[in-house]
Amino acid sequence: MFSIVGASGVVVDFSVTWLFKEKVRIHKYIANSLGFIVATISNYLLNRFWTFYTVDAQAKFNEFSKFFFIALIGLAINNAILYLFHEKLKWNFYLSKLVAIGIVSIWNFSFNYLYTFTSS
Protein backbone atom coordinates (compact mmCIF):
# COMPACT_ATOMS: atom_id res chain seq x y z
CA MET A 1 0.00 0.00 0.00
CA PHE A 2 2.75 2.45 0.94
CA SER A 3 4.36 1.89 -2.48
CA ILE A 4 1.14 2.74 -4.31
CA VAL A 5 0.67 5.85 -2.20
CA GLY A 6 4.33 6.74 -2.77
CA ALA A 7 3.97 6.33 -6.53
CA SER A 8 0.92 8.60 -6.54
CA GLY A 9 2.95 11.10 -4.52
CA VAL A 10 5.72 11.07 -7.14
CA VAL A 11 3.15 11.85 -9.85
CA VAL A 12 1.63 14.66 -7.78
CA ASP A 13 5.07 16.04 -6.84
CA PHE A 14 6.39 16.04 -10.42
CA SER A 15 3.14 17.44 -11.83
CA VAL A 16 2.95 20.35 -9.41
CA THR A 17 6.68 21.06 -9.71
CA TRP A 18 6.53 20.98 -13.51
CA LEU A 19 3.44 23.20 -13.61
CA PHE A 20 4.96 25.87 -11.38
CA LYS A 21 8.49 25.67 -12.80
CA GLU A 22 7.71 25.42 -16.51
CA LYS A 23 4.32 27.11 -16.92
CA VAL A 24 4.03 29.59 -14.06
CA ARG A 25 7.81 30.16 -14.22
CA ILE A 26 8.55 30.49 -10.52
CA HIS A 27 11.97 29.65 -9.09
CA LYS A 28 12.82 25.95 -9.39
CA TYR A 29 13.36 25.44 -5.65
CA ILE A 30 10.06 27.10 -4.79
CA ALA A 31 8.33 24.95 -7.43
CA ASN A 32 10.08 21.89 -6.00
CA SER A 33 8.93 22.81 -2.49
CA LEU A 34 5.34 23.34 -3.63
CA GLY A 35 5.34 19.97 -5.37
CA PHE A 36 6.76 18.34 -2.28
CA ILE A 37 4.20 19.97 0.04
CA VAL A 38 1.19 19.08 -2.12
CA ALA A 39 2.45 15.50 -2.48
CA THR A 40 3.06 15.32 1.28
CA ILE A 41 -0.52 16.34 2.05
CA SER A 42 -1.82 13.86 -0.52
CA ASN A 43 0.40 11.10 0.89
CA TYR A 44 -0.66 11.87 4.45
CA LEU A 45 -4.33 11.59 3.61
CA LEU A 46 -3.87 8.38 1.63
CA ASN A 47 -1.58 6.83 4.24
CA ARG A 48 -3.86 7.94 7.07
CA PHE A 49 -6.93 6.28 5.67
CA TRP A 50 -5.48 3.43 3.64
CA THR A 51 -1.95 2.31 4.54
CA PHE A 52 -1.75 2.97 8.29
CA TYR A 53 -5.46 3.20 9.07
CA THR A 54 -6.11 4.42 12.60
CA VAL A 55 -9.49 4.96 14.22
CA ASP A 56 -8.61 7.18 17.19
CA ALA A 57 -10.08 10.54 16.20
CA GLN A 58 -8.38 12.36 19.09
CA ALA A 59 -4.97 11.34 17.78
CA LYS A 60 -5.46 12.97 14.35
CA PHE A 61 -3.91 16.33 15.24
CA ASN A 62 -0.90 14.76 16.97
CA GLU A 63 -0.48 12.35 14.10
CA PHE A 64 -0.58 15.08 11.47
CA SER A 65 1.86 17.18 13.52
CA LYS A 66 4.32 14.29 13.58
CA PHE A 67 3.81 13.65 9.85
CA PHE A 68 4.30 17.33 9.03
CA PHE A 69 7.46 17.56 11.16
CA ILE A 70 8.96 14.53 9.40
CA ALA A 71 7.90 16.03 6.05
CA LEU A 72 9.65 19.33 6.83
CA ILE A 73 12.88 17.47 7.50
CA GLY A 74 12.24 15.52 4.30
CA LEU A 75 11.77 18.77 2.39
CA ALA A 76 15.13 20.06 3.64
CA ILE A 77 16.79 16.78 2.63
CA ASN A 78 15.00 16.88 -0.74
CA ASN A 79 16.16 20.41 -1.56
CA ALA A 80 19.72 19.66 -0.38
CA ILE A 81 19.93 16.58 -2.60
CA LEU A 82 18.37 18.46 -5.51
CA TYR A 83 20.92 21.25 -5.06
CA LEU A 84 23.82 18.80 -4.87
CA PHE A 85 22.88 16.80 -7.94
CA HIS A 86 21.52 19.62 -10.08
CA GLU A 87 23.73 22.58 -9.21
CA LYS A 88 26.98 20.90 -8.22
CA LEU A 89 27.00 17.69 -10.28
CA LYS A 90 25.12 19.34 -13.19
CA TRP A 91 22.51 16.58 -13.55
CA ASN A 92 19.18 17.29 -15.21
CA PHE A 93 16.76 18.98 -12.77
CA TYR A 94 14.07 16.29 -13.01
CA LEU A 95 16.55 13.40 -12.77
CA SER A 96 18.01 15.08 -9.68
CA LYS A 97 14.48 15.44 -8.30
CA LEU A 98 13.82 11.74 -8.89
CA VAL A 99 16.95 10.81 -6.91
CA ALA A 100 15.91 13.16 -4.11
CA ILE A 101 12.42 11.66 -4.01
CA GLY A 102 13.87 8.15 -3.79
CA ILE A 103 16.12 9.01 -0.87
CA VAL A 104 13.50 11.04 0.97
CA SER A 105 10.93 8.28 0.47
CA ILE A 106 13.12 5.98 2.57
CA TRP A 107 13.36 8.69 5.25
CA ASN A 108 9.60 9.34 5.19
CA PHE A 109 8.56 5.71 5.29
CA SER A 110 10.98 4.80 8.07
CA PHE A 111 10.10 7.64 10.40
CA ASN A 112 6.37 7.62 9.68
CA TYR A 113 6.28 3.88 10.29
CA LEU A 114 8.33 4.11 13.50
CA TYR A 115 6.99 7.39 14.85
CA THR A 116 3.87 8.80 13.23
CA PHE A 117 1.58 5.85 12.64
CA THR A 118 2.44 3.75 15.67
CA SER A 119 -0.41 2.60 17.84
CA SER A 120 1.42 3.49 21.05
C-alpha atoms as a PDB file:
ATOM      1  CA  MET A   1       0.000   0.000   0.000  1.00  0.00           C
ATOM      2  CA  PHE A   2       2.754   2.455   0.944  1.00  0.00           C
ATOM      3  CA  SER A   3       4.359   1.894  -2.479  1.00  0.00           C
ATOM      4  CA  ILE A   4       1.139   2.740  -4.311  1.00  0.00           C
ATOM      5  CA  VAL A   5       0.671   5.854  -2.197  1.00  0.00           C
ATOM      6  CA  GLY A   6       4.325   6.736  -2.772  1.00  0.00           C
ATOM      7  CA  ALA A   7       3.966   6.332  -6.534  1.00  0.00           C
ATOM      8  CA  SER A   8       0.916   8.597  -6.545  1.00  0.00           C
ATOM      9  CA  GLY A   9       2.955  11.104  -4.522  1.00  0.00           C
ATOM     10  CA  VAL A  10       5.716  11.070  -7.141  1.00  0.00           C
ATOM     11  CA  VAL A  11       3.145  11.845  -9.850  1.00  0.00           C
ATOM     12  CA  VAL A  12       1.630  14.657  -7.781  1.00  0.00           C
ATOM     13  CA  ASP A  13       5.074  16.038  -6.841  1.00  0.00           C
ATOM     14  CA  PHE A  14       6.389  16.044 -10.425  1.00  0.00           C
ATOM     15  CA  SER A  15       3.138  17.437 -11.833  1.00  0.00           C
ATOM     16  CA  VAL A  16       2.949  20.353  -9.409  1.00  0.00           C
ATOM     17  CA  THR A  17       6.675  21.059  -9.715  1.00  0.00           C
ATOM     18  CA  TRP A  18       6.535  20.983 -13.514  1.00  0.00           C
ATOM     19  CA  LEU A  19       3.441  23.198 -13.607  1.00  0.00           C
ATOM     20  CA  PHE A  20       4.958  25.870 -11.381  1.00  0.00           C
ATOM     21  CA  LYS A  21       8.490  25.672 -12.804  1.00  0.00           C
ATOM     22  CA  GLU A  22       7.708  25.424 -16.512  1.00  0.00           C
ATOM     23  CA  LYS A  23       4.317  27.107 -16.915  1.00  0.00           C
ATOM     24  CA  VAL A  24       4.034  29.590 -14.057  1.00  0.00           C
ATOM     25  CA  ARG A  25       7.806  30.164 -14.218  1.00  0.00           C
ATOM     26  CA  ILE A  26       8.548  30.489 -10.524  1.00  0.00           C
ATOM     27  CA  HIS A  27      11.973  29.653  -9.090  1.00  0.00           C
ATOM     28  CA  LYS A  28      12.819  25.953  -9.393  1.00  0.00           C
ATOM     29  CA  TYR A  29      13.358  25.437  -5.649  1.00  0.00           C
ATOM     30  CA  ILE A  30      10.055  27.103  -4.788  1.00  0.00           C
ATOM     31  CA  ALA A  31       8.334  24.953  -7.434  1.00  0.00           C
ATOM     32  CA  ASN A  32      10.076  21.885  -5.998  1.00  0.00           C
ATOM     33  CA  SER A  33       8.931  22.806  -2.492  1.00  0.00           C
ATOM     34  CA  LEU A  34       5.341  23.345  -3.634  1.00  0.00           C
ATOM     35  CA  GLY A  35       5.339  19.973  -5.374  1.00  0.00           C
ATOM     36  CA  PHE A  36       6.759  18.335  -2.278  1.00  0.00           C
ATOM     37  CA  ILE A  37       4.200  19.969   0.037  1.00  0.00           C
ATOM     38  CA  VAL A  38       1.190  19.083  -2.124  1.00  0.00           C
ATOM     39  CA  ALA A  39       2.448  15.501  -2.477  1.00  0.00           C
ATOM     40  CA  THR A  40       3.056  15.320   1.275  1.00  0.00           C
ATOM     41  CA  ILE A  41      -0.521  16.340   2.046  1.00  0.00           C
ATOM     42  CA  SER A  42      -1.822  13.858  -0.519  1.00  0.00           C
ATOM     43  CA  ASN A  43       0.400  11.104   0.887  1.00  0.00           C
ATOM     44  CA  TYR A  44      -0.663  11.870   4.451  1.00  0.00           C
ATOM     45  CA  LEU A  45      -4.333  11.585   3.612  1.00  0.00           C
ATOM     46  CA  LEU A  46      -3.869   8.379   1.630  1.00  0.00           C
ATOM     47  CA  ASN A  47      -1.585   6.826   4.238  1.00  0.00           C
ATOM     48  CA  ARG A  48      -3.856   7.941   7.070  1.00  0.00           C
ATOM     49  CA  PHE A  49      -6.929   6.283   5.665  1.00  0.00           C
ATOM     50  CA  TRP A  50      -5.481   3.433   3.638  1.00  0.00           C
ATOM     51  CA  THR A  51      -1.953   2.309   4.537  1.00  0.00           C
ATOM     52  CA  PHE A  52      -1.748   2.969   8.288  1.00  0.00           C
ATOM     53  CA  TYR A  53      -5.456   3.204   9.072  1.00  0.00           C
ATOM     54  CA  THR A  54      -6.106   4.415  12.598  1.00  0.00           C
ATOM     55  CA  VAL A  55      -9.485   4.962  14.216  1.00  0.00           C
ATOM     56  CA  ASP A  56      -8.615   7.179  17.188  1.00  0.00           C
ATOM     57  CA  ALA A  57     -10.084  10.545  16.197  1.00  0.00           C
ATOM     58  CA  GLN A  58      -8.376  12.358  19.090  1.00  0.00           C
ATOM     59  CA  ALA A  59      -4.968  11.339  17.779  1.00  0.00           C
ATOM     60  CA  LYS A  60      -5.456  12.966  14.351  1.00  0.00           C
ATOM     61  CA  PHE A  61      -3.909  16.332  15.237  1.00  0.00           C
ATOM     62  CA  ASN A  62      -0.901  14.760  16.970  1.00  0.00           C
ATOM     63  CA  GLU A  63      -0.481  12.346  14.103  1.00  0.00           C
ATOM     64  CA  PHE A  64      -0.577  15.081  11.470  1.00  0.00           C
ATOM     65  CA  SER A  65       1.856  17.183  13.523  1.00  0.00           C
ATOM     66  CA  LYS A  66       4.318  14.291  13.579  1.00  0.00           C
ATOM     67  CA  PHE A  67       3.806  13.651   9.854  1.00  0.00           C
ATOM     68  CA  PHE A  68       4.298  17.328   9.027  1.00  0.00           C
ATOM     69  CA  PHE A  69       7.462  17.559  11.160  1.00  0.00           C
ATOM     70  CA  ILE A  70       8.959  14.534   9.395  1.00  0.00           C
ATOM     71  CA  ALA A  71       7.901  16.031   6.051  1.00  0.00           C
ATOM     72  CA  LEU A  72       9.650  19.331   6.826  1.00  0.00           C
ATOM     73  CA  ILE A  73      12.879  17.475   7.499  1.00  0.00           C
ATOM     74  CA  GLY A  74      12.241  15.515   4.298  1.00  0.00           C
ATOM     75  CA  LEU A  75      11.773  18.772   2.387  1.00  0.00           C
ATOM     76  CA  ALA A  76      15.132  20.057   3.638  1.00  0.00           C
ATOM     77  CA  ILE A  77      16.785  16.777   2.628  1.00  0.00           C
ATOM     78  CA  ASN A  78      14.997  16.884  -0.736  1.00  0.00           C
ATOM     79  CA  ASN A  79      16.159  20.411  -1.559  1.00  0.00           C
ATOM     80  CA  ALA A  80      19.718  19.661  -0.382  1.00  0.00           C
ATOM     81  CA  ILE A  81      19.928  16.584  -2.601  1.00  0.00           C
ATOM     82  CA  LEU A  82      18.370  18.464  -5.515  1.00  0.00           C
ATOM     83  CA  TYR A  83      20.919  21.247  -5.058  1.00  0.00           C
ATOM     84  CA  LEU A  84      23.825  18.801  -4.866  1.00  0.00           C
ATOM     85  CA  PHE A  85      22.884  16.798  -7.939  1.00  0.00           C
ATOM     86  CA  HIS A  86      21.524  19.621 -10.082  1.00  0.00           C
ATOM     87  CA  GLU A  87      23.729  22.577  -9.207  1.00  0.00           C
ATOM     88  CA  LYS A  88      26.985  20.898  -8.215  1.00  0.00           C
ATOM     89  CA  LEU A  89      26.996  17.686 -10.276  1.00  0.00           C
ATOM     90  CA  LYS A  90      25.115  19.335 -13.186  1.00  0.00           C
ATOM     91  CA  TRP A  91      22.509  16.584 -13.545  1.00  0.00           C
ATOM     92  CA  ASN A  92      19.176  17.293 -15.214  1.00  0.00           C
ATOM     93  CA  PHE A  93      16.764  18.980 -12.768  1.00  0.00           C
ATOM     94  CA  TYR A  94      14.074  16.294 -13.014  1.00  0.00           C
ATOM     95  CA  LEU A  95      16.547  13.403 -12.772  1.00  0.00           C
ATOM     96  CA  SER A  96      18.008  15.083  -9.675  1.00  0.00           C
ATOM     97  CA  LYS A  97      14.483  15.441  -8.300  1.00  0.00           C
ATOM     98  CA  LEU A  98      13.819  11.741  -8.889  1.00  0.00           C
ATOM     99  CA  VAL A  99      16.953  10.805  -6.914  1.00  0.00           C
ATOM    100  CA  ALA A 100      15.910  13.159  -4.113  1.00  0.00           C
ATOM    101  CA  ILE A 101      12.419  11.664  -4.007  1.00  0.00           C
ATOM    102  CA  GLY A 102      13.869   8.154  -3.793  1.00  0.00           C
ATOM    103  CA  ILE A 103      16.121   9.006  -0.873  1.00  0.00           C
ATOM    104  CA  VAL A 104      13.503  11.045   0.969  1.00  0.00           C
ATOM    105  CA  SER A 105      10.932   8.278   0.467  1.00  0.00           C
ATOM    106  CA  ILE A 106      13.118   5.983   2.567  1.00  0.00           C
ATOM    107  CA  TRP A 107      13.359   8.694   5.251  1.00  0.00           C
ATOM    108  CA  ASN A 108       9.598   9.340   5.186  1.00  0.00           C
ATOM    109  CA  PHE A 109       8.561   5.705   5.292  1.00  0.00           C
ATOM    110  CA  SER A 110      10.981   4.801   8.065  1.00  0.00           C
ATOM    111  CA  PHE A 111      10.099   7.644  10.402  1.00  0.00           C
ATOM    112  CA  ASN A 112       6.373   7.619   9.683  1.00  0.00           C
ATOM    113  CA  TYR A 113       6.282   3.880  10.289  1.00  0.00           C
ATOM    114  CA  LEU A 114       8.327   4.107  13.496  1.00  0.00           C
ATOM    115  CA  TYR A 115       6.989   7.392  14.854  1.00  0.00           C
ATOM    116  CA  THR A 116       3.871   8.799  13.228  1.00  0.00           C
ATOM    117  CA  PHE A 117       1.584   5.854  12.638  1.00  0.00           C
ATOM    118  CA  THR A 118       2.441   3.745  15.665  1.00  0.00           C
ATOM    119  CA  SER A 119      -0.413   2.596  17.840  1.00  0.00           C
ATOM    120  CA  SER A 120       1.418   3.491  21.046  1.00  0.00           C
END
